Amino acid sequence: MNALTIRLTTLLTIVLATALFRLVPHWPNFTPVAALALFGAATFDRKWLGLVAPFGAMLLSDAILGFHGSMGAVYISFGLTWLIGALALRRPTAGRVAGAALASSTLFFLITNFAVWYGSTFYPQTLAGLMGCYAAGLAFYDGQSFFLNGVLGDLFFSGALFGGYYLLQQRFTVLRPARA
């Protein structure tokens, strides 16, 4: 196999293994999908594959877990997360990866909670209702915060993906991208 095929196969294996985590029991919002979008944007030579990876993982797991009314907001969030990765992680460093993970967590929280509020019968369609929806996402229920879980998950999985791949690149030089 040539170097490009080995690199692509390794990246796709990492993507599939990471995506499977969404199907095992986990804390709410503690998933690898945002990290996968950042990782795909930063590492795939064909950038569109880095966008297809998290969407494919989401579609496959949503087909098993079930679809819901706020899915559009979730998918938009991950598309924008991929864009953050494409722009901010051209040369990934630990600090840039952490910053991109924090930005993607915040973006996901703001967009998906807005979607929950918008048109809701549970929250009044007022600024106070929107703030109440955001506060509910920040609050701790049964010892868990949806926002904090998202931040911790994004940081953990981003560190694991980028750090693990960096270590693989140090051991197997064929995985290093070709630089012009």
C-alpha atoms as a PDB file:
ATOM      1  CA  MET A   1       0.000   0.000   0.000  1.00  0.00           C
ATOM      2  CA  ASN A   2       1.174   3.509  -0.703  1.00  0.00           C
ATOM      3  CA  ALA A   3       1.551   6.165   1.988  1.00  0.00           C
ATOM      4  CA  LEU A   4      -1.696   7.980   1.117  1.00  0.00           C
ATOM      5  CA  THR A   5      -3.713   4.756   1.363  1.00  0.00           C
ATOM      6  CA  ILE A   6      -2.136   3.863   4.719  1.00  0.00           C
ATOM      7  CA  ARG A   7      -2.784   7.362   6.070  1.00  0.00           C
ATOM      8  CA  LEU A   8      -6.408   7.380   4.874  1.00  0.00           C
ATOM      9  CA  THR A   9      -7.051   3.888   6.237  1.00  0.00           C
ATOM     10  CA  THR A  10      -5.603   4.859   9.612  1.00  0.00           C
ATOM     11  CA  LEU A  11      -7.679   8.040   9.760  1.00  0.00           C
ATOM     12  CA  LEU A  12     -10.882   6.212   8.787  1.00  0.00           C
ATOM     13  CA  THR A  13     -10.210   3.540  11.421  1.00  0.00           C
ATOM     14  CA  ILE A  14      -9.782   6.251  14.060  1.00  0.00           C
ATOM     15  CA  VAL A  15     -13.012   7.899  12.877  1.00  0.00           C
ATOM     16  CA  LEU A  16     -15.032   4.661  13.054  1.00  0.00           C
ATOM     17  CA  ALA A  17     -13.627   3.646  16.434  1.00  0.00           C
ATOM     18  CA  THR A  18     -14.382   7.084  17.839  1.00  0.00           C
ATOM     19  CA  ALA A  19     -17.891   7.161  16.380  1.00  0.00           C
ATOM     20  CA  LEU A  20     -18.752   3.840  18.029  1.00  0.00           C
ATOM     21  CA  PHE A  21     -18.380   5.519  21.411  1.00  0.00           C
ATOM     22  CA  ARG A  22     -21.667   7.323  20.829  1.00  0.00           C
ATOM     23  CA  LEU A  23     -23.454   3.969  20.959  1.00  0.00           C
ATOM     24  CA  VAL A  24     -22.141   2.902  24.372  1.00  0.00           C
ATOM     25  CA  PRO A  25     -23.584   4.289  27.611  1.00  0.00           C
ATOM     26  CA  HIS A  26     -22.067   7.676  28.456  1.00  0.00           C
ATOM     27  CA  TRP A  27     -22.832  10.917  30.290  1.00  0.00           C
ATOM     28  CA  PRO A  28     -25.211  13.219  28.404  1.00  0.00           C
ATOM     29  CA  ASN A  29     -23.292  15.302  25.814  1.00  0.00           C
ATOM     30  CA  PHE A  30     -19.990  13.533  26.636  1.00  0.00           C
ATOM     31  CA  THR A  31     -19.410  12.328  23.074  1.00  0.00           C
ATOM     32  CA  PRO A  32     -16.577  12.399  20.538  1.00  0.00           C
ATOM     33  CA  VAL A  33     -18.496  13.934  17.619  1.00  0.00           C
ATOM     34  CA  ALA A  34     -17.260  17.539  17.965  1.00  0.00           C
ATOM     35  CA  ALA A  35     -13.704  16.282  18.482  1.00  0.00           C
ATOM     36  CA  LEU A  36     -14.158  14.122  15.400  1.00  0.00           C
ATOM     37  CA  ALA A  37     -15.240  17.182  13.370  1.00  0.00           C
ATOM     38  CA  LEU A  38     -12.207  19.159  14.562  1.00  0.00           C
ATOM     39  CA  PHE A  39      -9.873  16.207  13.948  1.00  0.00           C
ATOM     40  CA  GLY A  40     -11.289  15.528  10.485  1.00  0.00           C
ATOM     41  CA  ALA A  41     -10.935  19.176   9.458  1.00  0.00           C
ATOM     42  CA  ALA A  42      -7.336  19.299  10.654  1.00  0.00           C
ATOM     43  CA  THR A  43      -6.023  15.949   9.432  1.00  0.00           C
ATOM     44  CA  PHE A  44      -7.790  14.845   6.263  1.00  0.00           C
ATOM     45  CA  ASP A  45      -6.024  15.845   3.060  1.00  0.00           C
ATOM     46  CA  ARG A  46      -9.405  15.908   1.343  1.00  0.00           C
ATOM     47  CA  LYS A  47     -11.193  18.305   3.681  1.00  0.00           C
ATOM     48  CA  TRP A  48     -14.660  17.190   2.588  1.00  0.00           C
ATOM     49  CA  LEU A  49     -13.925  13.738   4.067  1.00  0.00           C
ATOM     50  CA  GLY A  50     -13.288  15.402   7.399  1.00  0.00           C
ATOM     51  CA  LEU A  51     -16.801  16.860   7.212  1.00  0.00           C
ATOM     52  CA  VAL A  52     -18.428  13.643   6.024  1.00  0.00           C
ATOM     53  CA  ALA A  53     -16.907  11.690   8.940  1.00  0.00           C
ATOM     54  CA  PRO A  54     -18.847  13.301  11.821  1.00  0.00           C
ATOM     55  CA  PHE A  55     -22.037  13.561   9.749  1.00  0.00           C
ATOM     56  CA  GLY A  56     -21.768   9.895   8.785  1.00  0.00           C
ATOM     57  CA  ALA A  57     -21.127   8.909  12.392  1.00  0.00           C
ATOM     58  CA  MET A  58     -24.136  10.949  13.504  1.00  0.00           C
ATOM     59  CA  LEU A  59     -26.465   9.546  10.827  1.00  0.00           C
ATOM     60  CA  LEU A  60     -25.484   5.956  11.554  1.00  0.00           C
ATOM     61  CA  SER A  61     -25.810   6.307  15.304  1.00  0.00           C
ATOM     62  CA  ASP A  62     -29.015   8.392  15.032  1.00  0.00           C
ATOM     63  CA  ALA A  63     -30.527   5.628  12.910  1.00  0.00           C
ATOM     64  CA  ILE A  64     -29.907   3.292  15.859  1.00  0.00           C
ATOM     65  CA  LEU A  65     -30.581   5.710  18.731  1.00  0.00           C
ATOM     66  CA  GLY A  66     -33.503   7.542  17.136  1.00  0.00           C
ATOM     67  CA  PHE A  67     -34.078  10.815  15.354  1.00  0.00           C
ATOM     68  CA  HIS A  68     -35.421  13.941  17.098  1.00  0.00           C
ATOM     69  CA  GLY A  69     -36.773  17.388  16.324  1.00  0.00           C
ATOM     70  CA  SER A  70     -33.583  19.316  17.143  1.00  0.00           C
ATOM     71  CA  MET A  71     -31.337  17.322  14.826  1.00  0.00           C
ATOM     72  CA  GLY A  72     -30.938  20.178  12.359  1.00  0.00           C
ATOM     73  CA  ALA A  73     -29.382  22.354  15.056  1.00  0.00           C
ATOM     74  CA  VAL A  74     -27.068  19.531  16.101  1.00  0.00           C
ATOM     75  CA  TYR A  75     -25.858  18.933  12.551  1.00  0.00           C
ATOM     76  CA  ILE A  76     -25.411  22.682  11.921  1.00  0.00           C
ATOM     77  CA  SER A  77     -23.356  22.875  15.130  1.00  0.00           C
ATOM     78  CA  PHE A  78     -21.060  20.082  13.994  1.00  0.00           C
ATOM     79  CA  GLY A  79     -20.715  21.621  10.540  1.00  0.00           C
ATOM     80  CA  LEU A  80     -19.617  24.881  12.152  1.00  0.00           C
ATOM     81  CA  THR A  81     -17.306  22.942  14.458  1.00  0.00           C
ATOM     82  CA  TRP A  82     -15.687  21.422  11.374  1.00  0.00           C
ATOM     83  CA  LEU A  83     -15.255  24.959  10.014  1.00  0.00           C
ATOM     84  CA  ILE A  84     -13.555  26.014  13.261  1.00  0.00           C
ATOM     85  CA  GLY A  85     -11.171  23.083  12.839  1.00  0.00           C
ATOM     86  CA  ALA A  86     -10.499  23.886   9.180  1.00  0.00           C
ATOM     87  CA  LEU A  87      -9.640  27.493  10.006  1.00  0.00           C
ATOM     88  CA  ALA A  88      -7.996  27.273  13.435  1.00  0.00           C
ATOM     89  CA  LEU A  89      -6.193  23.940  13.226  1.00  0.00           C
ATOM     90  CA  ARG A  90      -4.189  24.173  10.028  1.00  0.00           C
ATOM     91  CA  ARG A  91      -1.175  23.671  12.293  1.00  0.00           C
ATOM     92  CA  PRO A  92      -2.567  22.000  15.403  1.00  0.00           C
ATOM     93  CA  THR A  93      -0.937  22.661  18.756  1.00  0.00           C
ATOM     94  CA  ALA A  94      -2.229  21.612  22.169  1.00  0.00           C
ATOM     95  CA  GLY A  95      -3.371  25.175  22.875  1.00  0.00           C
ATOM     96  CA  ARG A  96      -5.150  25.559  19.536  1.00  0.00           C
ATOM     97  CA  VAL A  97      -6.866  22.194  19.903  1.00  0.00           C
ATOM     98  CA  ALA A  98      -8.042  23.083  23.426  1.00  0.00           C
ATOM     99  CA  GLY A  99      -9.254  26.503  22.249  1.00  0.00           C
ATOM    100  CA  ALA A 100     -11.102  24.986  19.287  1.00  0.00           C
ATOM    101  CA  ALA A 101     -12.680  22.351  21.554  1.00  0.00           C
ATOM    102  CA  LEU A 102     -13.874  25.034  23.992  1.00  0.00           C
ATOM    103  CA  ALA A 103     -15.216  27.170  21.141  1.00  0.00           C
ATOM    104  CA  SER A 104     -17.063  24.192  19.650  1.00  0.00           C
ATOM    105  CA  SER A 105     -18.583  23.276  23.037  1.00  0.00           C
ATOM    106  CA  THR A 106     -19.855  26.816  23.500  1.00  0.00           C
ATOM    107  CA  LEU A 107     -21.167  26.997  19.942  1.00  0.00           C
ATOM    108  CA  PHE A 108     -22.966  23.658  20.299  1.00  0.00           C
ATOM    109  CA  PHE A 109     -24.539  24.756  23.589  1.00  0.00           C
ATOM    110  CA  LEU A 110     -25.743  28.094  22.219  1.00  0.00           C
ATOM    111  CA  ILE A 111     -27.156  26.699  18.969  1.00  0.00           C
ATOM    112  CA  THR A 112     -28.844  23.579  20.340  1.00  0.00           C
ATOM    113  CA  ASN A 113     -30.364  25.295  23.360  1.00  0.00           C
ATOM    114  CA  PHE A 114     -31.664  28.059  21.091  1.00  0.00           C
ATOM    115  CA  ALA A 115     -33.288  25.345  18.948  1.00  0.00           C
ATOM    116  CA  VAL A 116     -34.874  23.772  22.033  1.00  0.00           C
ATOM    117  CA  TRP A 117     -36.271  27.160  23.066  1.00  0.00           C
ATOM    118  CA  TYR A 118     -37.419  28.270  19.601  1.00  0.00           C
ATOM    119  CA  GLY A 119     -41.058  27.375  19.138  1.00  0.00           C
ATOM    120  CA  SER A 120     -41.106  25.570  22.479  1.00  0.00           C
ATOM    121  CA  THR A 121     -44.256  25.221  24.525  1.00  0.00           C
ATOM    122  CA  PHE A 122     -42.149  24.542  27.612  1.00  0.00           C
ATOM    123  CA  TYR A 123     -40.251  27.861  27.544  1.00  0.00           C
ATOM    124  CA  PRO A 124     -41.968  31.210  26.929  1.00  0.00           C
ATOM    125  CA  GLN A 125     -40.974  32.744  23.605  1.00  0.00           C
ATOM    126  CA  THR A 126     -39.334  35.697  25.322  1.00  0.00           C
ATOM    127  CA  LEU A 127     -35.786  36.688  26.182  1.00  0.00           C
ATOM    128  CA  ALA A 128     -36.456  35.474  29.727  1.00  0.00           C
ATOM    129  CA  GLY A 129     -37.612  32.141  28.313  1.00  0.00           C
ATOM    130  CA  LEU A 130     -34.446  31.827  26.221  1.00  0.00           C
ATOM    131  CA  MET A 131     -32.278  32.641  29.239  1.00  0.00           C
ATOM    132  CA  GLY A 132     -34.224  30.056  31.239  1.00  0.00           C
ATOM    133  CA  CYS A 133     -33.495  27.469  28.565  1.00  0.00           C
ATOM    134  CA  TYR A 134     -29.793  28.312  28.666  1.00  0.00           C
ATOM    135  CA  ALA A 135     -29.808  28.213  32.472  1.00  0.00           C
ATOM    136  CA  ALA A 136     -31.395  24.764  32.382  1.00  0.00           C
ATOM    137  CA  GLY A 137     -28.557  23.538  30.162  1.00  0.00           C
ATOM    138  CA  LEU A 138     -26.005  24.900  32.619  1.00  0.00           C
ATOM    139  CA  ALA A 139     -27.729  23.604  35.729  1.00  0.00           C
ATOM    140  CA  PHE A 140     -26.796  20.369  37.383  1.00  0.00           C
ATOM    141  CA  TYR A 141     -29.409  17.635  37.201  1.00  0.00           C
ATOM    142  CA  ASP A 142     -28.575  14.422  39.013  1.00  0.00           C
ATOM    143  CA  GLY A 143     -25.016  15.704  39.386  1.00  0.00           C
ATOM    144  CA  GLN A 144     -24.586  16.441  35.669  1.00  0.00           C
ATOM    145  CA  SER A 145     -24.456  19.590  33.572  1.00  0.00           C
ATOM    146  CA  PHE A 146     -25.130  19.196  29.869  1.00  0.00           C
ATOM    147  CA  PHE A 147     -22.780  22.082  29.068  1.00  0.00           C
ATOM    148  CA  LEU A 148     -19.991  20.934  31.395  1.00  0.00           C
ATOM    149  CA  ASN A 149     -20.277  17.378  30.080  1.00  0.00           C
ATOM    150  CA  GLY A 150     -19.957  18.739  26.544  1.00  0.00           C
ATOM    151  CA  VAL A 151     -16.859  20.760  27.445  1.00  0.00           C
ATOM    152  CA  LEU A 152     -15.226  17.827  29.223  1.00  0.00           C
ATOM    153  CA  GLY A 153     -16.089  15.443  26.399  1.00  0.00           C
ATOM    154  CA  ASP A 154     -14.807  17.783  23.705  1.00  0.00           C
ATOM    155  CA  LEU A 155     -11.548  18.395  25.580  1.00  0.00           C
ATOM    156  CA  PHE A 156     -11.055  14.713  26.418  1.00  0.00           C
ATOM    157  CA  PHE A 157     -11.780  13.354  22.945  1.00  0.00           C
ATOM    158  CA  SER A 158      -9.901  16.148  21.166  1.00  0.00           C
ATOM    159  CA  GLY A 159      -6.878  15.423  23.342  1.00  0.00           C
ATOM    160  CA  ALA A 160      -7.195  11.695  22.710  1.00  0.00           C
ATOM    161  CA  LEU A 161      -7.612  12.047  18.938  1.00  0.00           C
ATOM    162  CA  PHE A 162      -4.990  14.692  18.279  1.00  0.00           C
ATOM    163  CA  GLY A 163      -2.565  13.383  20.910  1.00  0.00           C
ATOM    164  CA  GLY A 164      -2.973   9.770  19.880  1.00  0.00           C
ATOM    165  CA  TYR A 165      -2.552  10.576  16.213  1.00  0.00           C
ATOM    166  CA  TYR A 166       0.523  12.670  16.965  1.00  0.00           C
ATOM    167  CA  LEU A 167       2.071   9.707  18.795  1.00  0.00           C
ATOM    168  CA  LEU A 168       1.230   7.425  15.872  1.00  0.00           C
ATOM    169  CA  GLN A 169       2.887   9.886  13.485  1.00  0.00           C
ATOM    170  CA  GLN A 170       6.056   9.869  15.609  1.00  0.00           C
ATOM    171  CA  ARG A 171       6.196   6.081  15.463  1.00  0.00           C
ATOM    172  CA  PHE A 172       5.071   5.627  11.835  1.00  0.00           C
ATOM    173  CA  THR A 173       6.443   8.372   9.597  1.00  0.00           C
ATOM    174  CA  VAL A 174       4.236   7.236   6.716  1.00  0.00           C
ATOM    175  CA  LEU A 175       1.311   8.817   8.595  1.00  0.00           C
ATOM    176  CA  ARG A 176       2.869  12.265   8.469  1.00  0.00           C
ATOM    177  CA  PRO A 177       1.296  14.525   5.867  1.00  0.00           C
ATOM    178  CA  ALA A 178       3.295  15.312   2.767  1.00  0.00           C
ATOM    179  CA  ARG A 179       4.397  18.951   2.889  1.00  0.00           C
ATOM    180  CA  ALA A 180       5.017  20.833  -0.316  1.00  0.00           C
END
